[in-house]
Amino acid sequence: MEPLDGTGANEVTAAFGGPADVLFVRCNVADEGDVESALRQVINWGGRLDALVNNAGLADPVMGAVEELALVEWPKRLDVNFTGPYLTAKHAVPHLRRTRGARTPHRKRPSPASCAR
C-alpha cells in the first residue's frame, strides 16, 4: 500500500500506539467491490469488526452554493454521500451481528400513538 504521508496518518498512528496498532485502507465508498475488499482487509487484520463509522462525504465550499453546483457534479455527490453509507452498512452489518456485544446505531420511528397527546 502506498504511504499516507501528509494526510494525518503519522499523527493517528502515534496516537494509537504505533504502526502495528493502526490499519489504513483506501476505499471508494461508492464502489461495492472496494467496500467489500476494505472490510475483508479490516477483518483479516483485526479478526473482527466492532463498529462502523460512515465518515466519507463530499462538501466543497469552493464550489459555492447549491444553486451553483453543476448537474454533472451531482451524481458524484450522491454516490459518495448516499450510496457510500448504504454500501458500507450493507456489507458491515452482517459482521457486526456476529460480533458479540457490537451495536449498530439505529433510530426507531415513533408510532402515531406515541406522538399524540
PDB file of N, CA and C in Angstrom:
ATOM      1  N   MET A   1       0.837  -1.181   0.000  1.00  0.00           N
ATOM      2  CA  MET A   1       0.000   0.000   0.000  1.00  0.00           C
ATOM      3  C   MET A   1       0.879   1.240   0.000  1.00  0.00           C
ATOM      4  N   GLU A   2       0.439   2.265  -0.690  1.00  0.00           N
ATOM      5  CA  GLU A   2       1.231   3.486  -0.760  1.00  0.00           C
ATOM      6  C   GLU A   2       1.181   4.252   0.561  1.00  0.00           C
ATOM      7  N   PRO A   3       2.230   5.012   0.875  1.00  0.00           N
ATOM      8  CA  PRO A   3       2.252   5.762   2.138  1.00  0.00           C
ATOM      9  C   PRO A   3       1.176   6.846   2.161  1.00  0.00           C
ATOM     10  N   LEU A   4       0.740   7.196   3.347  1.00  0.00           N
ATOM     11  CA  LEU A   4      -0.296   8.203   3.529  1.00  0.00           C
ATOM     12  C   LEU A   4       0.269   9.491   4.116  1.00  0.00           C
ATOM     13  N   ASP A   5       1.536   9.757   3.890  1.00  0.00           N
ATOM     14  CA  ASP A   5       2.160  10.973   4.430  1.00  0.00           C
ATOM     15  C   ASP A   5       1.379  12.200   3.999  1.00  0.00           C
ATOM     16  N   GLY A   6       1.271  13.158   4.904  1.00  0.00           N
ATOM     17  CA  GLY A   6       0.599  14.400   4.594  1.00  0.00           C
ATOM     18  C   GLY A   6      -0.897  14.361   4.826  1.00  0.00           C
ATOM     19  N   THR A   7      -1.436  13.223   5.235  1.00  0.00           N
ATOM     20  CA  THR A   7      -2.878  13.131   5.456  1.00  0.00           C
ATOM     21  C   THR A   7      -3.230  12.950   6.917  1.00  0.00           C
ATOM     22  N   GLY A   8      -2.276  13.103   7.791  1.00  0.00           N
ATOM     23  CA  GLY A   8      -2.535  12.926   9.214  1.00  0.00           C
ATOM     24  C   GLY A   8      -2.282  11.505   9.683  1.00  0.00           C
ATOM     25  N   ALA A   9      -1.840  10.642   8.777  1.00  0.00           N
ATOM     26  CA  ALA A   9      -1.625   9.242   9.138  1.00  0.00           C
ATOM     27  C   ALA A   9      -0.593   9.090  10.245  1.00  0.00           C
ATOM     28  N   ASN A  10       0.468   9.873  10.189  1.00  0.00           N
ATOM     29  CA  ASN A  10       1.510   9.772  11.219  1.00  0.00           C
ATOM     30  C   ASN A  10       0.978  10.145  12.591  1.00  0.00           C
ATOM     31  N   GLU A  11       0.146  11.187  12.651  1.00  0.00           N
ATOM     32  CA  GLU A  11      -0.419  11.622  13.922  1.00  0.00           C
ATOM     33  C   GLU A  11      -1.380  10.572  14.485  1.00  0.00           C
ATOM     34  N   VAL A  12      -2.198  10.002  13.614  1.00  0.00           N
ATOM     35  CA  VAL A  12      -3.143   8.965  14.052  1.00  0.00           C
ATOM     36  C   VAL A  12      -2.384   7.754  14.546  1.00  0.00           C
ATOM     37  N   THR A  13      -1.384   7.332  13.804  1.00  0.00           N
ATOM     38  CA  THR A  13      -0.589   6.168  14.191  1.00  0.00           C
ATOM     39  C   THR A  13       0.066   6.388  15.550  1.00  0.00           C
ATOM     40  N   ALA A  14       0.642   7.558  15.764  1.00  0.00           N
ATOM     41  CA  ALA A  14       1.288   7.864  17.043  1.00  0.00           C
ATOM     42  C   ALA A  14       0.273   7.876  18.181  1.00  0.00           C
ATOM     43  N   ALA A  15      -0.909   8.409  17.921  1.00  0.00           N
ATOM     44  CA  ALA A  15      -1.935   8.499  18.967  1.00  0.00           C
ATOM     45  C   ALA A  15      -2.425   7.129  19.407  1.00  0.00           C
ATOM     46  N   PHE A  16      -2.378   6.159  18.515  1.00  0.00           N
ATOM     47  CA  PHE A  16      -2.892   4.822  18.846  1.00  0.00           C
ATOM     48  C   PHE A  16      -1.799   3.834  19.192  1.00  0.00           C
ATOM     49  N   GLY A  17      -0.584   4.265  19.288  1.00  0.00           N
ATOM     50  CA  GLY A  17       0.470   3.385  19.774  1.00  0.00           C
ATOM     51  C   GLY A  17       1.585   3.117  18.800  1.00  0.00           C
ATOM     52  N   GLY A  18       1.300   2.934  17.543  1.00  0.00           N
ATOM     53  CA  GLY A  18       2.344   2.655  16.566  1.00  0.00           C
ATOM     54  C   GLY A  18       1.779   1.966  15.345  1.00  0.00           C
ATOM     55  N   PRO A  19       2.636   1.719  14.353  1.00  0.00           N
ATOM     56  CA  PRO A  19       2.184   1.143  13.087  1.00  0.00           C
ATOM     57  C   PRO A  19       1.485  -0.213  13.212  1.00  0.00           C
ATOM     58  N   ALA A  20       1.840  -1.002  14.201  1.00  0.00           N
ATOM     59  CA  ALA A  20       1.202  -2.315  14.362  1.00  0.00           C
ATOM     60  C   ALA A  20      -0.218  -2.198  14.903  1.00  0.00           C
ATOM     61  N   ASP A  21      -0.580  -1.022  15.428  1.00  0.00           N
ATOM     62  CA  ASP A  21      -1.886  -0.827  16.054  1.00  0.00           C
ATOM     63  C   ASP A  21      -2.901  -0.122  15.163  1.00  0.00           C
ATOM     64  N   VAL A  22      -2.502   0.248  13.949  1.00  0.00           N
ATOM     65  CA  VAL A  22      -3.375   1.028  13.072  1.00  0.00           C
ATOM     66  C   VAL A  22      -3.338   0.435  11.669  1.00  0.00           C
ATOM     67  N   LEU A  23      -4.487   0.371  11.038  1.00  0.00           N
ATOM     68  CA  LEU A  23      -4.575  -0.074   9.645  1.00  0.00           C
ATOM     69  C   LEU A  23      -5.288   1.005   8.843  1.00  0.00           C
ATOM     70  N   PHE A  24      -4.667   1.468   7.779  1.00  0.00           N
ATOM     71  CA  PHE A  24      -5.285   2.412   6.858  1.00  0.00           C
ATOM     72  C   PHE A  24      -5.648   1.663   5.593  1.00  0.00           C
ATOM     73  N   VAL A  25      -6.874   1.831   5.133  1.00  0.00           N
ATOM     74  CA  VAL A  25      -7.334   1.181   3.909  1.00  0.00           C
ATOM     75  C   VAL A  25      -7.989   2.242   3.035  1.00  0.00           C
ATOM     76  N   ARG A  26      -7.489   2.395   1.827  1.00  0.00           N
ATOM     77  CA  ARG A  26      -8.117   3.307   0.873  1.00  0.00           C
ATOM     78  C   ARG A  26      -9.329   2.604   0.275  1.00  0.00           C
ATOM     79  N   CYS A  27     -10.415   3.354   0.136  1.00  0.00           N
ATOM     80  CA  CYS A  27     -11.644   2.749  -0.347  1.00  0.00           C
ATOM     81  C   CYS A  27     -12.519   3.791  -1.017  1.00  0.00           C
ATOM     82  N   ASN A  28     -13.005   3.480  -2.203  1.00  0.00           N
ATOM     83  CA  ASN A  28     -14.029   4.298  -2.845  1.00  0.00           C
ATOM     84  C   ASN A  28     -15.351   3.775  -2.315  1.00  0.00           C
ATOM     85  N   VAL A  29     -15.977   4.498  -1.411  1.00  0.00           N
ATOM     86  CA  VAL A  29     -17.185   4.006  -0.751  1.00  0.00           C
ATOM     87  C   VAL A  29     -18.366   3.876  -1.697  1.00  0.00           C
ATOM     88  N   ALA A  30     -18.274   4.451  -2.879  1.00  0.00           N
ATOM     89  CA  ALA A  30     -19.341   4.332  -3.869  1.00  0.00           C
ATOM     90  C   ALA A  30     -19.152   3.106  -4.760  1.00  0.00           C
ATOM     91  N   ASP A  31     -18.098   2.339  -4.525  1.00  0.00           N
ATOM     92  CA  ASP A  31     -17.807   1.145  -5.318  1.00  0.00           C
ATOM     93  C   ASP A  31     -17.972  -0.082  -4.425  1.00  0.00           C
ATOM     94  N   GLU A  32     -18.962  -0.915  -4.717  1.00  0.00           N
ATOM     95  CA  GLU A  32     -19.277  -2.056  -3.857  1.00  0.00           C
ATOM     96  C   GLU A  32     -18.104  -3.008  -3.700  1.00  0.00           C
ATOM     97  N   GLY A  33     -17.357  -3.236  -4.763  1.00  0.00           N
ATOM     98  CA  GLY A  33     -16.178  -4.106  -4.670  1.00  0.00           C
ATOM     99  C   GLY A  33     -15.118  -3.544  -3.741  1.00  0.00           C
ATOM    100  N   ASP A  34     -14.899  -2.236  -3.807  1.00  0.00           N
ATOM    101  CA  ASP A  34     -13.943  -1.592  -2.907  1.00  0.00           C
ATOM    102  C   ASP A  34     -14.379  -1.721  -1.447  1.00  0.00           C
ATOM    103  N   VAL A  35     -15.676  -1.531  -1.201  1.00  0.00           N
ATOM    104  CA  VAL A  35     -16.194  -1.633   0.167  1.00  0.00           C
ATOM    105  C   VAL A  35     -16.004  -3.049   0.695  1.00  0.00           C
ATOM    106  N   GLU A  36     -16.360  -4.049  -0.109  1.00  0.00           N
ATOM    107  CA  GLU A  36     -16.186  -5.442   0.319  1.00  0.00           C
ATOM    108  C   GLU A  36     -14.720  -5.752   0.586  1.00  0.00           C
ATOM    109  N   SER A  37     -13.840  -5.289  -0.291  1.00  0.00           N
ATOM    110  CA  SER A  37     -12.407  -5.520  -0.121  1.00  0.00           C
ATOM    111  C   SER A  37     -11.873  -4.838   1.136  1.00  0.00           C
ATOM    112  N   ALA A  38     -12.285  -3.605   1.370  1.00  0.00           N
ATOM    113  CA  ALA A  38     -11.824  -2.877   2.561  1.00  0.00           C
ATOM    114  C   ALA A  38     -12.262  -3.594   3.833  1.00  0.00           C
ATOM    115  N   LEU A  39     -13.511  -4.035   3.881  1.00  0.00           N
ATOM    116  CA  LEU A  39     -13.986  -4.746   5.071  1.00  0.00           C
ATOM    117  C   LEU A  39     -13.248  -6.062   5.270  1.00  0.00           C
ATOM    118  N   ARG A  40     -12.987  -6.761   4.178  1.00  0.00           N
ATOM    119  CA  ARG A  40     -12.203  -8.012   4.273  1.00  0.00           C
ATOM    120  C   ARG A  40     -10.827  -7.740   4.863  1.00  0.00           C
ATOM    121  N   GLN A  41     -10.170  -6.662   4.390  1.00  0.00           N
ATOM    122  CA  GLN A  41      -8.840  -6.311   4.902  1.00  0.00           C
ATOM    123  C   GLN A  41      -8.894  -5.994   6.393  1.00  0.00           C
ATOM    124  N   VAL A  42      -9.898  -5.233   6.792  1.00  0.00           N
ATOM    125  CA  VAL A  42     -10.042  -4.861   8.204  1.00  0.00           C
ATOM    126  C   VAL A  42     -10.259  -6.094   9.062  1.00  0.00           C
ATOM    127  N   ILE A  43     -11.140  -6.977   8.644  1.00  0.00           N
ATOM    128  CA  ILE A  43     -11.444  -8.174   9.434  1.00  0.00           C
ATOM    129  C   ILE A  43     -10.255  -9.136   9.445  1.00  0.00           C
ATOM    130  N   ASN A  44      -9.561  -9.268   8.334  1.00  0.00           N
ATOM    131  CA  ASN A  44      -8.357 -10.113   8.309  1.00  0.00           C
ATOM    132  C   ASN A  44      -7.291  -9.557   9.240  1.00  0.00           C
ATOM    133  N   TRP A  45      -7.174  -8.246   9.312  1.00  0.00           N
ATOM    134  CA  TRP A  45      -6.167  -7.609  10.158  1.00  0.00           C
ATOM    135  C   TRP A  45      -6.542  -7.691  11.632  1.00  0.00           C
ATOM    136  N   GLY A  46      -7.795  -7.348  11.948  1.00  0.00           N
ATOM    137  CA  GLY A  46      -8.202  -7.258  13.345  1.00  0.00           C
ATOM    138  C   GLY A  46      -8.942  -8.459  13.890  1.00  0.00           C
ATOM    139  N   GLY A  47      -9.346  -9.362  13.002  1.00  0.00           N
ATOM    140  CA  GLY A  47     -10.033 -10.561  13.450  1.00  0.00           C
ATOM    141  C   GLY A  47     -11.538 -10.416  13.579  1.00  0.00           C
ATOM    142  N   ARG A  48     -12.033  -9.186  13.600  1.00  0.00           N
ATOM    143  CA  ARG A  48     -13.469  -8.953  13.750  1.00  0.00           C
ATOM    144  C   ARG A  48     -13.774  -7.492  13.480  1.00  0.00           C
ATOM    145  N   LEU A  49     -15.055  -7.195  13.397  1.00  0.00           N
ATOM    146  CA  LEU A  49     -15.494  -5.825  13.200  1.00  0.00           C
ATOM    147  C   LEU A  49     -16.383  -5.451  14.377  1.00  0.00           C
ATOM    148  N   ASP A  50     -16.024  -4.394  15.080  1.00  0.00           N
ATOM    149  CA  ASP A  50     -16.766  -3.962  16.260  1.00  0.00           C
ATOM    150  C   ASP A  50     -17.637  -2.737  16.017  1.00  0.00           C
ATOM    151  N   ALA A  51     -17.305  -1.925  15.019  1.00  0.00           N
ATOM    152  CA  ALA A  51     -18.050  -0.696  14.802  1.00  0.00           C
ATOM    153  C   ALA A  51     -17.890  -0.238  13.366  1.00  0.00           C
ATOM    154  N   LEU A  52     -18.809   0.583  12.931  1.00  0.00           N
ATOM    155  CA  LEU A  52     -18.746   1.205  11.614  1.00  0.00           C
ATOM    156  C   LEU A  52     -19.049   2.686  11.791  1.00  0.00           C
ATOM    157  N   VAL A  53     -18.171   3.515  11.251  1.00  0.00           N
ATOM    158  CA  VAL A  53     -18.401   4.955  11.240  1.00  0.00           C
ATOM    159  C   VAL A  53     -18.381   5.388   9.784  1.00  0.00           C
ATOM    160  N   ASN A  54     -19.521   5.829   9.282  1.00  0.00           N
ATOM    161  CA  ASN A  54     -19.589   6.360   7.923  1.00  0.00           C
ATOM    162  C   ASN A  54     -19.172   7.822   7.974  1.00  0.00           C
ATOM    163  N   ASN A  55     -17.929   8.071   7.564  1.00  0.00           N
ATOM    164  CA  ASN A  55     -17.377   9.410   7.697  1.00  0.00           C
ATOM    165  C   ASN A  55     -16.976  10.028   6.363  1.00  0.00           C
ATOM    166  N   ALA A  56     -17.111   9.291   5.265  1.00  0.00           N
ATOM    167  CA  ALA A  56     -16.777   9.849   3.955  1.00  0.00           C
ATOM    168  C   ALA A  56     -17.899  10.772   3.516  1.00  0.00           C
ATOM    169  N   GLY A  57     -17.550  11.829   2.850  1.00  0.00           N
ATOM    170  CA  GLY A  57     -18.575  12.732   2.352  1.00  0.00           C
ATOM    171  C   GLY A  57     -17.965  13.832   1.503  1.00  0.00           C
ATOM    172  N   LEU A  58     -18.761  14.321   0.579  1.00  0.00           N
ATOM    173  CA  LEU A  58     -18.317  15.414  -0.268  1.00  0.00           C
ATOM    174  C   LEU A  58     -19.113  16.671   0.049  1.00  0.00           C
ATOM    175  N   ALA A  59     -18.398  17.695   0.393  1.00  0.00           N
ATOM    176  CA  ALA A  59     -18.964  19.029   0.567  1.00  0.00           C
ATOM    177  C   ALA A  59     -17.837  19.980   0.210  1.00  0.00           C
ATOM    178  N   ASP A  60     -18.001  20.703  -0.849  1.00  0.00           N
ATOM    179  CA  ASP A  60     -16.919  21.527  -1.358  1.00  0.00           C
ATOM    180  C   ASP A  60     -17.293  23.003  -1.293  1.00  0.00           C
ATOM    181  N   PRO A  61     -16.791  23.726  -0.287  1.00  0.00           N
ATOM    182  CA  PRO A  61     -17.140  25.148  -0.178  1.00  0.00           C
ATOM    183  C   PRO A  61     -16.625  25.974  -1.356  1.00  0.00           C
ATOM    184  N   VAL A  62     -15.612  25.488  -2.052  1.00  0.00           N
ATOM    185  CA  VAL A  62     -15.081  26.206  -3.204  1.00  0.00           C
ATOM    186  C   VAL A  62     -16.107  26.234  -4.340  1.00  0.00           C
ATOM    187  N   MET A  63     -16.925  25.174  -4.416  1.00  0.00           N
ATOM    188  CA  MET A  63     -17.934  25.089  -5.476  1.00  0.00           C
ATOM    189  C   MET A  63     -19.039  26.123  -5.273  1.00  0.00           C
ATOM    190  N   GLY A  64     -19.186  26.640  -4.083  1.00  0.00           N
ATOM    191  CA  GLY A  64     -20.191  27.643  -3.815  1.00  0.00           C
ATOM    192  C   GLY A  64     -21.503  27.039  -3.362  1.00  0.00           C
ATOM    193  N   ALA A  65     -22.532  27.835  -3.463  1.00  0.00           N
ATOM    194  CA  ALA A  65     -23.861  27.436  -3.011  1.00  0.00           C
ATOM    195  C   ALA A  65     -24.426  26.337  -3.907  1.00  0.00           C
ATOM    196  N   VAL A  66     -25.435  25.627  -3.389  1.00  0.00           N
ATOM    197  CA  VAL A  66     -26.024  24.516  -4.118  1.00  0.00           C
ATOM    198  C   VAL A  66     -26.540  24.950  -5.486  1.00  0.00           C
ATOM    199  N   GLU A  67     -27.040  26.158  -5.597  1.00  0.00           N
ATOM    200  CA  GLU A  67     -27.553  26.597  -6.895  1.00  0.00           C
ATOM    201  C   GLU A  67     -26.443  26.822  -7.922  1.00  0.00           C
ATOM    202  N   GLU A  68     -25.199  26.818  -7.454  1.00  0.00           N
ATOM    203  CA  GLU A  68     -24.059  26.956  -8.357  1.00  0.00           C
ATOM    204  C   GLU A  68     -23.435  25.603  -8.710  1.00  0.00           C
ATOM    205  N   LEU A  69     -23.917  24.531  -8.104  1.00  0.00           N
ATOM    206  CA  LEU A  69     -23.382  23.197  -8.368  1.00  0.00           C
ATOM    207  C   LEU A  69     -23.824  22.728  -9.748  1.00  0.00           C
ATOM    208  N   ALA A  70     -22.875  22.343 -10.561  1.00  0.00           N
ATOM    209  CA  ALA A  70     -23.188  21.849 -11.903  1.00  0.00           C
ATOM    210  C   ALA A  70     -23.849  20.483 -11.810  1.00  0.00           C
ATOM    211  N   LEU A  71     -24.824  20.245 -12.649  1.00  0.00           N
ATOM    212  CA  LEU A  71     -25.537  18.979 -12.650  1.00  0.00           C
ATOM    213  C   LEU A  71     -24.597  17.795 -12.850  1.00  0.00           C
ATOM    214  N   VAL A  72     -23.535  17.984 -13.594  1.00  0.00           N
ATOM    215  CA  VAL A  72     -22.573  16.909 -13.838  1.00  0.00           C
ATOM    216  C   VAL A  72     -21.885  16.464 -12.540  1.00  0.00           C
ATOM    217  N   GLU A  73     -21.830  17.341 -11.540  1.00  0.00           N
ATOM    218  CA  GLU A  73     -21.222  17.016 -10.238  1.00  0.00           C
ATOM    219  C   GLU A  73     -22.194  16.298  -9.300  1.00  0.00           C
ATOM    220  N   TRP A  74     -23.481  16.414  -9.519  1.00  0.00           N
ATOM    221  CA  TRP A  74     -24.488  15.875  -8.613  1.00  0.00           C
ATOM    222  C   TRP A  74     -24.393  14.358  -8.428  1.00  0.00           C
ATOM    223  N   PRO A  75     -24.252  13.552  -9.490  1.00  0.00           N
ATOM    224  CA  PRO A  75     -24.158  12.102  -9.287  1.00  0.00           C
ATOM    225  C   PRO A  75     -22.979  11.687  -8.400  1.00  0.00           C
ATOM    226  N   LYS A  76     -21.865  12.397  -8.507  1.00  0.00           N
ATOM    227  CA  LYS A  76     -20.712  12.082  -7.653  1.00  0.00           C
ATOM    228  C   LYS A  76     -21.055  12.322  -6.181  1.00  0.00           C
ATOM    229  N   ARG A  77     -21.755  13.413  -5.900  1.00  0.00           N
ATOM    230  CA  ARG A  77     -22.178  13.703  -4.528  1.00  0.00           C
ATOM    231  C   ARG A  77     -23.121  12.616  -4.014  1.00  0.00           C
ATOM    232  N   LEU A  78     -24.079  12.214  -4.847  1.00  0.00           N
ATOM    233  CA  LEU A  78     -25.000  11.145  -4.451  1.00  0.00           C
ATOM    234  C   LEU A  78     -24.260   9.851  -4.171  1.00  0.00           C
ATOM    235  N   ASP A  79     -23.307   9.508  -5.041  1.00  0.00           N
ATOM    236  CA  ASP A  79     -22.556   8.257  -4.871  1.00  0.00           C
ATOM    237  C   ASP A  79     -21.819   8.220  -3.541  1.00  0.00           C
ATOM    238  N   VAL A  80     -21.107   9.285  -3.229  1.00  0.00           N
ATOM    239  CA  VAL A  80     -20.299   9.296  -2.001  1.00  0.00           C
ATOM    240  C   VAL A  80     -21.159   9.525  -0.762  1.00  0.00           C
ATOM    241  N   ASN A  81     -22.078  10.483  -0.814  1.00  0.00           N
ATOM    242  CA  ASN A  81     -22.824  10.889   0.375  1.00  0.00           C
ATOM    243  C   ASN A  81     -24.000   9.985   0.712  1.00  0.00           C
ATOM    244  N   PHE A  82     -24.552   9.278  -0.272  1.00  0.00           N
ATOM    245  CA  PHE A  82     -25.720   8.438  -0.008  1.00  0.00           C
ATOM    246  C   PHE A  82     -25.466   6.962  -0.307  1.00  0.00           C
ATOM    247  N   THR A  83     -24.899   6.661  -1.473  1.00  0.00           N
ATOM    248  CA  THR A  83     -24.627   5.268  -1.809  1.00  0.00           C
ATOM    249  C   THR A  83     -23.525   4.706  -0.913  1.00  0.00           C
ATOM    250  N   GLY A  84     -22.528   5.513  -0.595  1.00  0.00           N
ATOM    251  CA  GLY A  84     -21.426   5.056   0.260  1.00  0.00           C
ATOM    252  C   GLY A  84     -21.883   4.549   1.615  1.00  0.00           C
ATOM    253  N   PRO A  85     -22.654   5.322   2.367  1.00  0.00           N
ATOM    254  CA  PRO A  85     -23.135   4.825   3.656  1.00  0.00           C
ATOM    255  C   PRO A  85     -24.010   3.571   3.519  1.00  0.00           C
ATOM    256  N   TYR A  86     -24.816   3.521   2.460  1.00  0.00           N
ATOM    257  CA  TYR A  86     -25.632   2.325   2.230  1.00  0.00           C
ATOM    258  C   TYR A  86     -24.744   1.102   2.015  1.00  0.00           C
ATOM    259  N   LEU A  87     -23.744   1.221   1.130  1.00  0.00           N
ATOM    260  CA  LEU A  87     -22.892   0.073   0.832  1.00  0.00           C
ATOM    261  C   LEU A  87     -22.069  -0.370   2.036  1.00  0.00           C
ATOM    262  N   THR A  88     -21.529   0.586   2.781  1.00  0.00           N
ATOM    263  CA  THR A  88     -20.728   0.189   3.942  1.00  0.00           C
ATOM    264  C   THR A  88     -21.601  -0.477   4.997  1.00  0.00           C
ATOM    265  N   ALA A  89     -22.796   0.055   5.213  1.00  0.00           N
ATOM    266  CA  ALA A  89     -23.705  -0.587   6.169  1.00  0.00           C
ATOM    267  C   ALA A  89     -24.134  -1.960   5.670  1.00  0.00           C
ATOM    268  N   LYS A  90     -24.474  -2.055   4.405  1.00  0.00           N
ATOM    269  CA  LYS A  90     -24.913  -3.329   3.818  1.00  0.00           C
ATOM    270  C   LYS A  90     -23.892  -4.437   4.057  1.00  0.00           C
ATOM    271  N   HIS A  91     -22.620  -4.109   3.879  1.00  0.00           N
ATOM    272  CA  HIS A  91     -21.584  -5.141   3.999  1.00  0.00           C
ATOM    273  C   HIS A  91     -20.992  -5.250   5.397  1.00  0.00           C
ATOM    274  N   ALA A  92     -21.173  -4.246   6.240  1.00  0.00           N
ATOM    275  CA  ALA A  92     -20.641  -4.310   7.600  1.00  0.00           C
ATOM    276  C   ALA A  92     -21.618  -4.948   8.577  1.00  0.00           C
ATOM    277  N   VAL A  93     -22.901  -4.723   8.398  1.00  0.00           N
ATOM    278  CA  VAL A  93     -23.891  -5.197   9.374  1.00  0.00           C
ATOM    279  C   VAL A  93     -23.816  -6.714   9.603  1.00  0.00           C
ATOM    280  N   PRO A  94     -23.667  -7.549   8.581  1.00  0.00           N
ATOM    281  CA  PRO A  94     -23.546  -8.987   8.878  1.00  0.00           C
ATOM    282  C   PRO A  94     -22.364  -9.308   9.801  1.00  0.00           C
ATOM    283  N   HIS A  95     -21.251  -8.607   9.631  1.00  0.00           N
ATOM    284  CA  HIS A  95     -20.089  -8.822  10.504  1.00  0.00           C
ATOM    285  C   HIS A  95     -20.358  -8.294  11.904  1.00  0.00           C
ATOM    286  N   LEU A  96     -21.019  -7.147  11.990  1.00  0.00           N
ATOM    287  CA  LEU A  96     -21.340  -6.571  13.296  1.00  0.00           C
ATOM    288  C   LEU A  96     -22.296  -7.472  14.069  1.00  0.00           C
ATOM    289  N   ARG A  97     -23.206  -8.110  13.377  1.00  0.00           N
ATOM    290  CA  ARG A  97     -24.140  -9.019  14.053  1.00  0.00           C
ATOM    291  C   ARG A  97     -23.430 -10.234  14.632  1.00  0.00           C
ATOM    292  N   ARG A  98     -22.330 -10.627  14.008  1.00  0.00           N
ATOM    293  CA  ARG A  98     -21.568 -11.778  14.514  1.00  0.00           C
ATOM    294  C   ARG A  98     -20.654 -11.410  15.678  1.00  0.00           C
ATOM    295  N   THR A  99     -20.413 -10.138  15.859  1.00  0.00           N
ATOM    296  CA  THR A  99     -19.507  -9.686  16.914  1.00  0.00           C
ATOM    297  C   THR A  99     -20.279  -9.553  18.209  1.00  0.00           C
ATOM    298  N   ARG A 100     -19.927 -10.354  19.143  1.00  0.00           N
ATOM    299  CA  ARG A 100     -20.613 -10.322  20.437  1.00  0.00           C
ATOM    300  C   ARG A 100     -20.496  -8.928  21.056  1.00  0.00           C
ATOM    301  N   GLY A 101     -21.620  -8.368  21.377  1.00  0.00           N
ATOM    302  CA  GLY A 101     -21.624  -7.066  22.016  1.00  0.00           C
ATOM    303  C   GLY A 101     -21.602  -5.888  21.068  1.00  0.00           C
ATOM    304  N   ALA A 102     -21.455  -6.120  19.758  1.00  0.00           N
ATOM    305  CA  ALA A 102     -21.429  -4.999  18.812  1.00  0.00           C
ATOM    306  C   ALA A 102     -22.798  -4.342  18.737  1.00  0.00           C
ATOM    307  N   ARG A 103     -22.793  -3.057  18.554  1.00  0.00           N
ATOM    308  CA  ARG A 103     -24.033  -2.303  18.442  1.00  0.00           C
ATOM    309  C   ARG A 103     -24.040  -1.564  17.115  1.00  0.00           C
ATOM    310  N   THR A 104     -25.161  -1.562  16.456  1.00  0.00           N
ATOM    311  CA  THR A 104     -25.323  -0.762  15.255  1.00  0.00           C
ATOM    312  C   THR A 104     -26.350   0.314  15.577  1.00  0.00           C
ATOM    313  N   PRO A 105     -25.976   1.572  15.438  1.00  0.00           N
ATOM    314  CA  PRO A 105     -26.916   2.629  15.798  1.00  0.00           C
ATOM    315  C   PRO A 105     -28.098   2.648  14.837  1.00  0.00           C
ATOM    316  N   HIS A 106     -29.250   2.810  15.381  1.00  0.00           N
ATOM    317  CA  HIS A 106     -30.450   2.969  14.571  1.00  0.00           C
ATOM    318  C   HIS A 106     -31.451   3.776  15.377  1.00  0.00           C
ATOM    319  N   ARG A 107     -32.392   4.307  14.699  1.00  0.00           N
ATOM    320  CA  ARG A 107     -33.405   5.113  15.373  1.00  0.00           C
ATOM    321  C   ARG A 107     -34.765   4.583  14.969  1.00  0.00           C
ATOM    322  N   LYS A 108     -35.562   4.260  15.951  1.00  0.00           N
ATOM    323  CA  LYS A 108     -36.918   3.815  15.672  1.00  0.00           C
ATOM    324  C   LYS A 108     -37.787   5.027  15.370  1.00  0.00           C
ATOM    325  N   ARG A 109     -38.675   4.853  14.421  1.00  0.00           N
ATOM    326  CA  ARG A 109     -39.652   5.914  14.160  1.00  0.00           C
ATOM    327  C   ARG A 109     -40.727   5.837  15.215  1.00  0.00           C
ATOM    328  N   PRO A 110     -41.132   6.979  15.719  1.00  0.00           N
ATOM    329  CA  PRO A 110     -42.211   6.941  16.704  1.00  0.00           C
ATOM    330  C   PRO A 110     -43.523   6.531  16.037  1.00  0.00           C
ATOM    331  N   SER A 111     -44.318   5.797  16.750  1.00  0.00           N
ATOM    332  CA  SER A 111     -45.638   5.440  16.220  1.00  0.00           C
ATOM    333  C   SER A 111     -46.545   6.649  16.329  1.00  0.00           C
ATOM    334  N   PRO A 112     -47.590   6.706  15.498  1.00  0.00           N
ATOM    335  CA  PRO A 112     -48.510   7.856  15.605  1.00  0.00           C
ATOM    336  C   PRO A 112     -49.102   7.985  17.001  1.00  0.00           C
ATOM    337  N   ALA A 113     -49.341   6.845  17.654  1.00  0.00           N
ATOM    338  CA  ALA A 113     -49.926   6.900  19.003  1.00  0.00           C
ATOM    339  C   ALA A 113     -48.961   7.540  19.998  1.00  0.00           C
ATOM    340  N   SER A 114     -47.657   7.309  19.830  1.00  0.00           N
ATOM    341  CA  SER A 114     -46.711   7.864  20.798  1.00  0.00           C
ATOM    342  C   SER A 114     -46.524   9.360  20.583  1.00  0.00           C
ATOM    343  N   CYS A 115     -46.917   9.859  19.406  1.00  0.00           N
ATOM    344  CA  CYS A 115     -46.782  11.295  19.129  1.00  0.00           C
ATOM    345  C   CYS A 115     -48.017  12.075  19.553  1.00  0.00           C
ATOM    346  N   ALA A 116     -49.124  11.368  19.692  1.00  0.00           N
ATOM    347  CA  ALA A 116     -50.378  12.049  20.065  1.00  0.00           C
ATOM    348  C   ALA A 116     -50.407  12.289  21.560  1.00  0.00           C
ATOM    349  N   ARG A 117     -51.001  13.399  21.965  1.00  0.00           N
ATOM    350  CA  ARG A 117     -51.114  13.685  23.389  1.00  0.00           C
ATOM    351  C   ARG A 117     -52.545  13.913  23.728  1.00  0.00           C
TER     352      ARG A 117
END
